[in-house]
């Protein structure tokens, strides 16, 4: 079993710049501070960062977010099985960084004992913006209303700047979570994410201000030629000035300045594009309001291949599914 250190995993990923940020050693370090343990494993030119969460009675649950990395997954699974059994994992959940539901990722998983499941940890569908070309090209791909709102925010004196004030960001996250009905991480979580990725040039906290008041903020992350909008928040004040539109625009510009070719807006409702377009104007539940906002940036709607579970202890797996049906692992 070829388990490796975090430093060795960083060296491995140096040859795989296409890897998702959730597969980086830094992401493993972040999750290890909040209830998980991270173990990278490599077989030949294929590897994975596996996260383990402790469960009662010495058992665990395993998770590979947006991986494995590399080409020959079939050679990796025996090594992964051995590690999971050593960790007394009840099951292993894998969410590949793939959008091809019948491609090689799904084929490798299914022929190696994984079962496709409906419950995912990461968003099932996202909007990815093409950052190639110049800024006029970006604007040309946007909806007219989004272009208008970006310019309106500039005219209405919204200013976007980098910030180091995680406490302020967390305060905004609490307001947004309460207003929109979603859970937020602790302030310590956002602080550590910033402290880990910012010194590497892979994270920025951007805030939108009107005069001396912060009205919106987001954290953008990069790895290789890709970037992700993972966390964002806004206050209830000055929304007529459209600060979130300019904020996303500046995040796109920041990502492009780091050499990124795409900007992932993260989660939208997991529906096909025809349904999304037919219903977005009159749906307000879940992520539908988010979709109304994000669709305007002219990105491509991309659906992930989904989630697959490899079950090691079936009876405990069924019990776990029953107990945690409304919680993340």
Protein backbone atom coordinates (compact mmCIF):
# COMPACT_ATOMS: atom_id res chain seq x y z
CA UNK A 1 0.00 0.00 0.00
CA UNK A 2 1.63 3.22 -1.20
CA UNK A 3 0.53 5.87 1.25
CA UNK A 4 2.62 9.02 1.09
CA UNK A 5 3.19 12.20 3.07
CA UNK A 6 1.55 15.54 2.43
CA UNK A 7 4.79 16.90 0.97
CA UNK A 8 5.08 13.92 -1.37
CA UNK A 9 1.47 14.48 -2.43
CA UNK A 10 2.29 18.11 -3.26
CA UNK A 11 5.18 16.86 -5.40
CA UNK A 12 2.87 14.39 -7.13
CA UNK A 13 0.32 17.13 -7.90
CA UNK A 14 3.06 19.29 -9.41
CA UNK A 15 2.73 16.96 -12.39
CA UNK A 16 -1.07 17.13 -12.31
CA UNK A 17 -1.97 20.81 -12.42
CA UNK A 18 -5.41 19.82 -13.71
CA UNK A 19 -6.30 18.46 -10.25
CA UNK A 20 -9.25 19.98 -8.42
CA UNK A 21 -8.49 22.15 -5.39
CA UNK A 22 -10.37 19.66 -3.19
CA UNK A 23 -7.62 17.14 -3.96
CA UNK A 24 -4.75 19.35 -2.83
CA UNK A 25 -2.63 18.74 0.24
CA UNK A 26 -3.69 22.16 1.49
CA UNK A 27 -7.35 21.16 1.36
CA UNK A 28 -6.49 18.04 3.32
CA UNK A 29 -4.74 20.19 5.91
CA UNK A 30 -7.84 22.38 6.22
CA UNK A 31 -10.22 19.45 6.65
CA UNK A 32 -7.85 17.77 9.11
CA UNK A 33 -8.35 20.69 11.49
CA UNK A 34 -12.12 20.18 11.46
CA UNK A 35 -12.92 16.58 12.18
CA UNK A 36 -11.31 14.72 9.29
CA UNK A 37 -7.96 13.03 8.69
CA UNK A 38 -6.33 13.21 5.28
CA UNK A 39 -4.29 10.44 3.67
CA UNK A 40 -2.85 10.67 0.15
CA UNK A 41 -2.21 7.43 -1.68
CA UNK A 42 -0.41 6.86 -5.01
CA UNK A 43 -0.05 3.93 -7.36
CA UNK A 44 2.15 4.62 -10.38
CA UNK A 45 0.88 7.89 -11.94
CA UNK A 46 -2.51 7.81 -10.27
CA UNK A 47 -3.39 8.97 -6.77
CA UNK A 48 -6.06 10.27 -4.46
CA UNK A 49 -6.41 12.36 -1.34
CA UNK A 50 -8.75 10.38 0.91
CA UNK A 51 -10.51 12.05 3.83
CA UNK A 52 -11.59 9.92 6.79
CA UNK A 53 -14.09 10.92 9.43
CA UNK A 54 -14.15 9.02 12.72
CA UNK A 55 -17.38 7.26 13.64
CA UNK A 56 -18.39 5.59 16.93
CA UNK A 57 -16.80 2.30 18.01
CA UNK A 58 -13.61 2.89 16.05
CA UNK A 59 -15.20 2.89 12.59
CA UNK A 60 -14.83 5.59 9.95
CA UNK A 61 -16.31 6.92 6.72
CA UNK A 62 -14.05 7.60 3.75
CA UNK A 63 -14.43 10.27 1.10
CA UNK A 64 -12.54 11.20 -2.09
CA UNK A 65 -13.71 14.67 -3.17
CA UNK A 66 -13.21 15.45 -6.87
CA UNK A 67 -10.74 12.65 -7.44
CA UNK A 68 -8.81 10.44 -8.01
CA UNK A 69 -6.11 12.23 -9.98
CA UNK A 70 -4.41 10.65 -12.97
CA UNK A 71 -5.41 8.12 -15.57
CA UNK A 72 -5.27 4.46 -14.53
CA UNK A 73 -7.78 4.26 -11.69
CA UNK A 74 -8.13 0.47 -11.88
CA UNK A 75 -4.63 0.01 -10.47
CA UNK A 76 -5.40 2.36 -7.57
CA UNK A 77 -8.55 0.74 -6.17
CA UNK A 78 -6.87 -2.30 -4.53
CA UNK A 79 -4.57 0.09 -2.67
CA UNK A 80 -7.53 2.24 -1.67
CA UNK A 81 -9.46 -0.81 -0.44
CA UNK A 82 -6.54 -1.88 1.71
CA UNK A 83 -6.25 1.56 3.30
CA UNK A 84 -10.01 1.83 3.91
CA UNK A 85 -10.09 -1.56 5.60
CA UNK A 86 -7.12 -0.54 7.73
CA UNK A 87 -9.08 2.56 8.76
CA UNK A 88 -12.15 0.38 9.49
CA UNK A 89 -14.16 2.37 6.96
CA UNK A 90 -17.82 1.39 6.71
CA UNK A 91 -17.84 2.80 3.19
CA UNK A 92 -15.95 5.07 0.82
CA UNK A 93 -17.72 7.82 -1.13
CA UNK A 94 -16.10 9.02 -4.34
CA UNK A 95 -17.17 12.11 -6.28
CA UNK A 96 -14.98 12.25 -9.39
CA UNK A 97 -13.93 15.48 -11.06
CA UNK A 98 -15.77 14.46 -14.21
CA UNK A 99 -18.92 15.42 -16.08
CA UNK A 100 -19.14 12.32 -18.29
CA UNK A 101 -21.76 10.01 -16.78
CA UNK A 102 -20.74 7.06 -18.97
CA UNK A 103 -17.02 7.82 -19.33
CA UNK A 104 -13.94 6.08 -17.99
CA UNK A 105 -14.39 7.43 -14.45
CA UNK A 106 -17.83 5.89 -14.05
CA UNK A 107 -16.74 2.70 -15.79
CA UNK A 108 -13.75 2.22 -13.48
CA UNK A 109 -15.85 2.81 -10.38
CA UNK A 110 -18.70 0.50 -11.38
CA UNK A 111 -16.51 -2.41 -12.41
CA UNK A 112 -14.58 -2.15 -9.13
CA UNK A 113 -17.57 -2.55 -6.84
CA UNK A 114 -18.79 1.02 -6.47
CA UNK A 115 -22.50 1.76 -6.68
CA UNK A 116 -23.90 5.02 -8.02
CA UNK A 117 -25.85 6.90 -5.31
CA UNK A 118 -28.09 9.95 -5.46
CA UNK A 119 -26.73 11.68 -2.37
CA UNK A 120 -23.74 13.91 -3.08
CA UNK A 121 -21.57 16.11 -0.87
CA UNK A 122 -20.49 18.60 -3.54
CA UNK A 123 -22.98 20.38 -5.83
CA UNK A 124 -24.27 18.14 -8.58
CA UNK A 125 -24.41 20.95 -11.11
CA UNK A 126 -22.44 24.14 -11.60
CA UNK A 127 -21.87 27.02 -14.02
CA UNK A 128 -18.34 27.40 -15.36
CA UNK A 129 -17.25 30.66 -16.95
CA UNK A 130 -14.70 30.70 -19.75
CA UNK A 131 -11.97 33.21 -18.86
CA UNK A 132 -10.12 32.92 -22.16
CA UNK A 133 -10.05 35.97 -24.38
CA UNK A 134 -10.18 39.53 -23.10
CA UNK A 135 -12.65 41.19 -20.78
CA UNK A 136 -14.77 42.39 -23.68
CA UNK A 137 -15.14 38.76 -24.72
CA UNK A 138 -16.36 37.90 -21.22
CA UNK A 139 -18.89 40.71 -21.31
CA UNK A 140 -20.12 39.66 -24.75
CA UNK A 141 -20.96 36.19 -23.39
CA UNK A 142 -23.00 37.60 -20.50
CA UNK A 143 -26.71 38.37 -20.38
CA UNK A 144 -27.45 42.02 -21.06
CA UNK A 145 -28.87 42.58 -17.56
CA UNK A 146 -25.69 41.28 -15.92
CA UNK A 147 -23.49 43.58 -18.00
CA UNK A 148 -25.78 46.45 -17.05
CA UNK A 149 -25.64 45.60 -13.32
CA UNK A 150 -21.83 45.40 -13.32
CA UNK A 151 -21.63 48.87 -14.80
CA UNK A 152 -24.40 50.13 -12.54
CA UNK A 153 -22.46 49.03 -9.45
CA UNK A 154 -19.44 50.99 -10.70
CA UNK A 155 -21.56 54.08 -11.31
CA UNK A 156 -23.20 53.77 -7.90
CA UNK A 157 -19.82 53.97 -6.14
CA UNK A 158 -19.34 50.31 -5.24
CA UNK A 159 -15.63 49.63 -4.77
CA UNK A 160 -14.17 46.10 -4.64
CA UNK A 161 -10.95 45.57 -2.72
CA UNK A 162 -8.95 42.72 -1.19
CA UNK A 163 -9.38 42.30 2.55
CA UNK A 164 -7.87 40.32 5.41
CA UNK A 165 -10.83 40.79 7.74
CA UNK A 166 -12.21 37.28 8.16
CA UNK A 167 -14.29 38.36 11.16
CA UNK A 168 -16.15 40.82 8.96
CA UNK A 169 -16.60 38.15 6.29
CA UNK A 170 -17.95 35.70 8.86
CA UNK A 171 -20.43 38.28 10.11
CA UNK A 172 -21.74 38.68 6.56
CA UNK A 173 -21.89 34.90 6.15
CA UNK A 174 -24.12 34.67 9.22
CA UNK A 175 -26.47 37.30 7.80
CA UNK A 176 -26.64 35.51 4.46
CA UNK A 177 -27.10 32.07 5.98
CA UNK A 178 -29.95 33.30 8.13
CA UNK A 179 -31.61 35.11 5.23
CA UNK A 180 -31.22 32.35 2.64
CA UNK A 181 -31.53 29.32 4.91
CA UNK A 182 -28.16 27.58 4.59
CA UNK A 183 -25.53 26.55 7.11
CA UNK A 184 -22.18 28.29 7.43
CA UNK A 185 -18.80 27.15 8.68
CA UNK A 186 -17.22 28.59 11.81
CA UNK A 187 -15.13 31.73 11.70
CA UNK A 188 -12.10 29.58 12.50
CA UNK A 189 -12.76 27.49 9.38
CA UNK A 190 -12.77 30.49 7.04
CA UNK A 191 -9.73 31.91 8.82
CA UNK A 192 -7.75 28.72 8.34
CA UNK A 193 -8.78 28.40 4.70
CA UNK A 194 -7.54 31.93 4.12
CA UNK A 195 -4.35 31.41 6.13
CA UNK A 196 -3.47 28.22 4.22
CA UNK A 197 -4.21 29.29 0.65
CA UNK A 198 -3.55 33.04 0.69
CA UNK A 199 0.25 32.84 1.19
CA UNK A 200 0.40 30.51 -1.83
CA UNK A 201 -1.41 33.04 -4.01
CA UNK A 202 -4.32 30.61 -4.31
CA UNK A 203 -6.97 32.54 -2.40
CA UNK A 204 -8.30 36.05 -2.12
CA UNK A 205 -10.94 37.60 0.07
CA UNK A 206 -12.66 40.33 -1.93
CA UNK A 207 -15.09 42.78 -0.37
CA UNK A 208 -17.51 45.20 -2.02
CA UNK A 209 -17.88 48.49 -0.17
CA UNK A 210 -20.13 51.47 -0.46
CA UNK A 211 -18.47 54.42 1.25
CA UNK A 212 -17.27 52.91 4.56
CA UNK A 213 -19.73 50.01 4.64
CA UNK A 214 -18.95 46.47 3.47
CA UNK A 215 -22.03 45.18 1.66
CA UNK A 216 -20.79 41.92 0.07
CA UNK A 217 -17.75 39.63 0.12
CA UNK A 218 -16.48 36.40 -1.36
CA UNK A 219 -13.53 34.02 -1.19
CA UNK A 220 -12.11 32.84 -4.51
CA UNK A 221 -9.61 29.97 -4.83
CA UNK A 222 -7.29 28.81 -7.61
CA UNK A 223 -5.25 25.75 -8.50
CA UNK A 224 -3.50 25.38 -11.82
CA UNK A 225 -5.59 27.00 -14.56
CA UNK A 226 -8.87 26.71 -12.66
CA UNK A 227 -10.61 28.89 -10.09
CA UNK A 228 -13.61 28.44 -7.80
CA UNK A 229 -16.09 30.70 -6.03
CA UNK A 230 -16.59 28.66 -2.88
CA UNK A 231 -17.91 31.12 -0.27
CA UNK A 232 -19.86 34.34 -0.64
CA UNK A 233 -22.06 36.61 1.41
CA UNK A 234 -23.95 39.88 1.22
CA UNK A 235 -25.72 42.19 3.63
CA UNK A 236 -29.28 43.43 3.34
CA UNK A 237 -28.06 47.00 2.81
CA UNK A 238 -27.53 48.82 -0.49
CA UNK A 239 -28.61 45.89 -2.62
CA UNK A 240 -29.98 48.31 -5.21
CA UNK A 241 -26.36 49.21 -5.97
CA UNK A 242 -25.77 45.66 -7.27
CA UNK A 243 -22.53 45.03 -5.33
CA UNK A 244 -22.53 41.26 -5.88
CA UNK A 245 -22.37 41.71 -9.66
CA UNK A 246 -19.24 43.82 -9.52
CA UNK A 247 -17.79 41.52 -6.87
CA UNK A 248 -18.02 38.49 -9.16
CA UNK A 249 -16.59 40.49 -12.03
CA UNK A 250 -13.55 41.42 -9.97
CA UNK A 251 -13.16 37.81 -8.82
CA UNK A 252 -13.07 36.77 -12.48
CA UNK A 253 -10.42 39.40 -13.18
CA UNK A 254 -8.38 38.26 -10.18
CA UNK A 255 -8.54 34.61 -11.31
CA UNK A 256 -7.52 35.51 -14.86
CA UNK A 257 -4.55 37.48 -13.52
CA UNK A 258 -3.36 34.21 -11.92
CA UNK A 259 -3.45 32.43 -15.26
CA UNK A 260 -6.82 30.74 -14.79
CA UNK A 261 -8.81 29.76 -17.87
CA UNK A 262 -12.07 29.03 -16.09
CA UNK A 263 -14.05 30.28 -13.11
CA UNK A 264 -16.41 27.85 -11.43
CA UNK A 265 -19.46 29.54 -9.88
CA UNK A 266 -20.15 26.34 -7.91
CA UNK A 267 -23.67 25.14 -7.09
CA UNK A 268 -26.96 25.64 -8.94
CA UNK A 269 -30.13 23.48 -8.86
CA UNK A 270 -29.48 19.97 -10.15
CA UNK A 271 -31.86 20.18 -13.09
CA UNK A 272 -31.30 20.00 -16.83
CA UNK A 273 -30.81 23.29 -18.65
CA UNK A 274 -34.26 23.19 -20.25
CA UNK A 275 -35.90 22.91 -16.81
CA UNK A 276 -33.64 25.58 -15.33
CA UNK A 277 -34.51 28.05 -18.05
CA UNK A 278 -38.22 27.24 -17.93
CA UNK A 279 -38.58 27.63 -14.18
CA UNK A 280 -35.97 30.09 -12.90
CA UNK A 281 -38.25 33.12 -13.13
CA UNK A 282 -40.89 31.71 -10.77
CA UNK A 283 -38.95 29.40 -8.45
CA UNK A 284 -37.58 30.77 -5.17
CA UNK A 285 -36.80 27.62 -3.19
CA UNK A 286 -33.36 26.11 -2.70
CA UNK A 287 -30.73 27.33 -5.15
CA UNK A 288 -33.14 28.82 -7.67
CA UNK A 289 -32.38 32.39 -6.66
CA UNK A 290 -28.68 31.57 -6.96
CA UNK A 291 -29.27 30.28 -10.48
CA UNK A 292 -31.07 33.46 -11.51
CA UNK A 293 -27.98 35.41 -10.51
CA UNK A 294 -25.30 33.07 -11.86
CA UNK A 295 -26.88 32.36 -15.25
CA UNK A 296 -26.30 35.96 -16.27
CA UNK A 297 -22.52 35.51 -16.48
CA UNK A 298 -22.81 33.42 -19.63
CA UNK A 299 -21.07 30.28 -18.38
CA UNK A 300 -21.68 26.67 -19.32
CA UNK A 301 -23.95 24.53 -17.14
CA UNK A 302 -21.99 21.43 -16.21
CA UNK A 303 -23.28 18.39 -14.33
CA UNK A 304 -20.85 16.23 -12.40
CA UNK A 305 -20.76 12.48 -12.90
CA UNK A 306 -22.19 12.23 -9.38
CA UNK A 307 -21.32 10.10 -6.36
CA UNK A 308 -20.38 6.45 -5.94
CA UNK A 309 -20.16 4.44 -2.72
CA UNK A 310 -17.94 1.42 -2.09
CA UNK A 311 -19.48 -0.47 0.84
CA UNK A 312 -17.22 -2.46 3.16
CA UNK A 313 -19.62 -3.27 6.03
CA UNK A 314 -23.16 -3.48 4.56
CA UNK A 315 -25.16 -3.68 7.79
CA UNK A 316 -23.42 -0.67 9.32
CA UNK A 317 -23.68 1.18 6.02
CA UNK A 318 -27.45 0.77 6.03
CA UNK A 319 -27.59 1.95 9.64
CA UNK A 320 -25.40 4.92 8.83
CA UNK A 321 -27.58 5.86 5.87
CA UNK A 322 -30.66 5.78 8.07
CA UNK A 323 -29.13 7.92 10.83
CA UNK A 324 -27.43 10.46 8.59
CA UNK A 325 -29.95 10.77 5.77
CA UNK A 326 -30.18 14.51 6.40
CA UNK A 327 -26.57 15.18 7.28
CA UNK A 328 -23.27 15.24 5.42
CA UNK A 329 -20.66 12.63 6.27
